[in-house]
Amino acid sequence: MITTLRLPDETEALVRRIARRTGRSKSRVIRDALALLAEREHTGEGDERPYQRVAHLIGCVDSGGRKLSQHTGKQFTLALAAREQRRRAR
């Protein structure tokens, strides 16, 4: 079946670049893109939200406890002072 397709200049340039880079015809690039879109529609893969993509990672890391943030300002000041002391010792 012959189908005529009008594309914006940017999209046509993209199709041309992909075709040149992959050694396929522009028609083949468009057919492959449509096949990929149809597959995503069929499997529902394209409907996934960003949260759903990382949901399996949420809550899987232990921060090391609740007391890690205690006295951070004091510890940071001490670290800066120690660094300054090392610089002066050179």
C-alpha atoms as a PDB file:
ATOM      1  CA  MET A   1       0.000   0.000   0.000  1.00  0.00           C
ATOM      2  CA  ILE A   2       1.343   3.415  -0.896  1.00  0.00           C
ATOM      3  CA  THR A   3       0.817   6.146   1.662  1.00  0.00           C
ATOM      4  CA  THR A   4       1.859   9.783   1.382  1.00  0.00           C
ATOM      5  CA  LEU A   5       3.082  11.393   4.566  1.00  0.00           C
ATOM      6  CA  ARG A   6       3.811  15.047   5.274  1.00  0.00           C
ATOM      7  CA  LEU A   7       6.417  15.670   7.958  1.00  0.00           C
ATOM      8  CA  PRO A   8       7.688  18.875   9.526  1.00  0.00           C
ATOM      9  CA  ASP A   9      11.171  19.812   8.313  1.00  0.00           C
ATOM     10  CA  GLU A  10      12.778  18.860  11.638  1.00  0.00           C
ATOM     11  CA  THR A  11      11.185  15.407  11.636  1.00  0.00           C
ATOM     12  CA  GLU A  12      12.131  14.779   8.016  1.00  0.00           C
ATOM     13  CA  ALA A  13      15.722  15.774   8.789  1.00  0.00           C
ATOM     14  CA  LEU A  14      15.732  13.379  11.746  1.00  0.00           C
ATOM     15  CA  VAL A  15      14.403  10.525   9.602  1.00  0.00           C
ATOM     16  CA  ARG A  16      17.051  11.298   6.968  1.00  0.00           C
ATOM     17  CA  ARG A  17      19.865  11.296   9.583  1.00  0.00           C
ATOM     18  CA  ILE A  18      18.706   7.995  11.090  1.00  0.00           C
ATOM     19  CA  ALA A  19      18.429   6.435   7.633  1.00  0.00           C
ATOM     20  CA  ARG A  20      21.910   7.584   6.660  1.00  0.00           C
ATOM     21  CA  ARG A  21      23.455   6.499   9.978  1.00  0.00           C
ATOM     22  CA  THR A  22      21.839   3.050   9.948  1.00  0.00           C
ATOM     23  CA  GLY A  23      22.037   2.396   6.207  1.00  0.00           C
ATOM     24  CA  ARG A  24      18.263   1.974   5.898  1.00  0.00           C
ATOM     25  CA  SER A  25      15.856   3.771   3.613  1.00  0.00           C
ATOM     26  CA  LYS A  26      13.690   6.551   4.994  1.00  0.00           C
ATOM     27  CA  SER A  27      10.645   4.348   4.379  1.00  0.00           C
ATOM     28  CA  ARG A  28      12.220   1.553   6.428  1.00  0.00           C
ATOM     29  CA  VAL A  29      12.998   3.955   9.296  1.00  0.00           C
ATOM     30  CA  ILE A  30       9.367   5.130   9.351  1.00  0.00           C
ATOM     31  CA  ARG A  31       8.030   1.538   9.148  1.00  0.00           C
ATOM     32  CA  ASP A  32      10.309   0.482  12.036  1.00  0.00           C
ATOM     33  CA  ALA A  33       9.211   3.472  14.113  1.00  0.00           C
ATOM     34  CA  LEU A  34       5.542   2.652  13.524  1.00  0.00           C
ATOM     35  CA  ALA A  35       6.155  -1.004  14.405  1.00  0.00           C
ATOM     36  CA  LEU A  36       7.846   0.052  17.652  1.00  0.00           C
ATOM     37  CA  LEU A  37       4.964   2.388  18.492  1.00  0.00           C
ATOM     38  CA  ALA A  38       2.432  -0.373  17.765  1.00  0.00           C
ATOM     39  CA  GLU A  39       4.356  -2.778  20.014  1.00  0.00           C
ATOM     40  CA  ARG A  40       4.393  -0.249  22.863  1.00  0.00           C
ATOM     41  CA  GLU A  41       0.675   0.339  22.439  1.00  0.00           C
ATOM     42  CA  HIS A  42       0.042  -3.392  22.482  1.00  0.00           C
ATOM     43  CA  THR A  43       2.124  -4.051  25.613  1.00  0.00           C
ATOM     44  CA  GLY A  44       1.153  -0.837  27.391  1.00  0.00           C
ATOM     45  CA  GLU A  45       4.855   0.008  27.809  1.00  0.00           C
ATOM     46  CA  GLY A  46       4.360   3.635  26.778  1.00  0.00           C
ATOM     47  CA  ASP A  47       1.823   4.270  29.549  1.00  0.00           C
ATOM     48  CA  GLU A  48       4.377   3.949  32.343  1.00  0.00           C
ATOM     49  CA  ARG A  49       4.847   7.057  34.492  1.00  0.00           C
ATOM     50  CA  PRO A  50       8.300   8.040  35.836  1.00  0.00           C
ATOM     51  CA  TYR A  51       7.310   6.923  39.355  1.00  0.00           C
ATOM     52  CA  GLN A  52       6.382   3.480  38.066  1.00  0.00           C
ATOM     53  CA  ARG A  53       9.787   3.137  36.414  1.00  0.00           C
ATOM     54  CA  VAL A  54      11.624   3.623  39.720  1.00  0.00           C
ATOM     55  CA  ALA A  55       9.045   2.249  42.163  1.00  0.00           C
ATOM     56  CA  HIS A  56      11.091  -0.929  42.709  1.00  0.00           C
ATOM     57  CA  LEU A  57      13.995   1.259  43.925  1.00  0.00           C
ATOM     58  CA  ILE A  58      12.052   3.336  46.432  1.00  0.00           C
ATOM     59  CA  GLY A  59      12.730   2.195  49.975  1.00  0.00           C
ATOM     60  CA  CYS A  60      15.363  -0.379  49.031  1.00  0.00           C
ATOM     61  CA  VAL A  61      18.316   1.559  50.514  1.00  0.00           C
ATOM     62  CA  ASP A  62      19.022   1.920  54.211  1.00  0.00           C
ATOM     63  CA  SER A  63      20.224   5.403  55.116  1.00  0.00           C
ATOM     64  CA  GLY A  64      22.180   4.121  58.086  1.00  0.00           C
ATOM     65  CA  GLY A  65      19.876   5.287  60.824  1.00  0.00           C
ATOM     66  CA  ARG A  66      18.182   8.376  62.113  1.00  0.00           C
ATOM     67  CA  LYS A  67      21.139  10.002  63.888  1.00  0.00           C
ATOM     68  CA  LEU A  68      23.286  10.721  60.846  1.00  0.00           C
ATOM     69  CA  SER A  69      22.236  14.353  60.693  1.00  0.00           C
ATOM     70  CA  GLN A  70      22.933  15.203  64.318  1.00  0.00           C
ATOM     71  CA  HIS A  71      25.623  17.821  64.843  1.00  0.00           C
ATOM     72  CA  THR A  72      26.412  18.098  61.136  1.00  0.00           C
ATOM     73  CA  GLY A  73      27.108  21.825  61.405  1.00  0.00           C
ATOM     74  CA  LYS A  74      29.594  21.226  64.209  1.00  0.00           C
ATOM     75  CA  GLN A  75      31.243  18.343  62.332  1.00  0.00           C
ATOM     76  CA  PHE A  76      31.499  20.428  59.164  1.00  0.00           C
ATOM     77  CA  THR A  77      33.131  23.301  61.075  1.00  0.00           C
ATOM     78  CA  LEU A  78      35.666  20.886  62.586  1.00  0.00           C
ATOM     79  CA  ALA A  79      36.438  19.415  59.152  1.00  0.00           C
ATOM     80  CA  LEU A  80      37.046  22.886  57.699  1.00  0.00           C
ATOM     81  CA  ALA A  81      39.269  23.830  60.616  1.00  0.00           C
ATOM     82  CA  ALA A  82      41.309  20.627  60.197  1.00  0.00           C
ATOM     83  CA  ARG A  83      41.701  21.301  56.471  1.00  0.00           C
ATOM     84  CA  GLU A  84      42.858  24.864  57.154  1.00  0.00           C
ATOM     85  CA  GLN A  85      45.353  23.577  59.711  1.00  0.00           C
ATOM     86  CA  ARG A  86      46.788  21.111  57.164  1.00  0.00           C
ATOM     87  CA  ARG A  87      47.171  23.925  54.624  1.00  0.00           C
ATOM     88  CA  ARG A  88      49.061  26.116  57.106  1.00  0.00           C
ATOM     89  CA  ALA A  89      51.346  23.239  58.047  1.00  0.00           C
ATOM     90  CA  ARG A  90      52.698  22.975  54.466  1.00  0.00           C
END
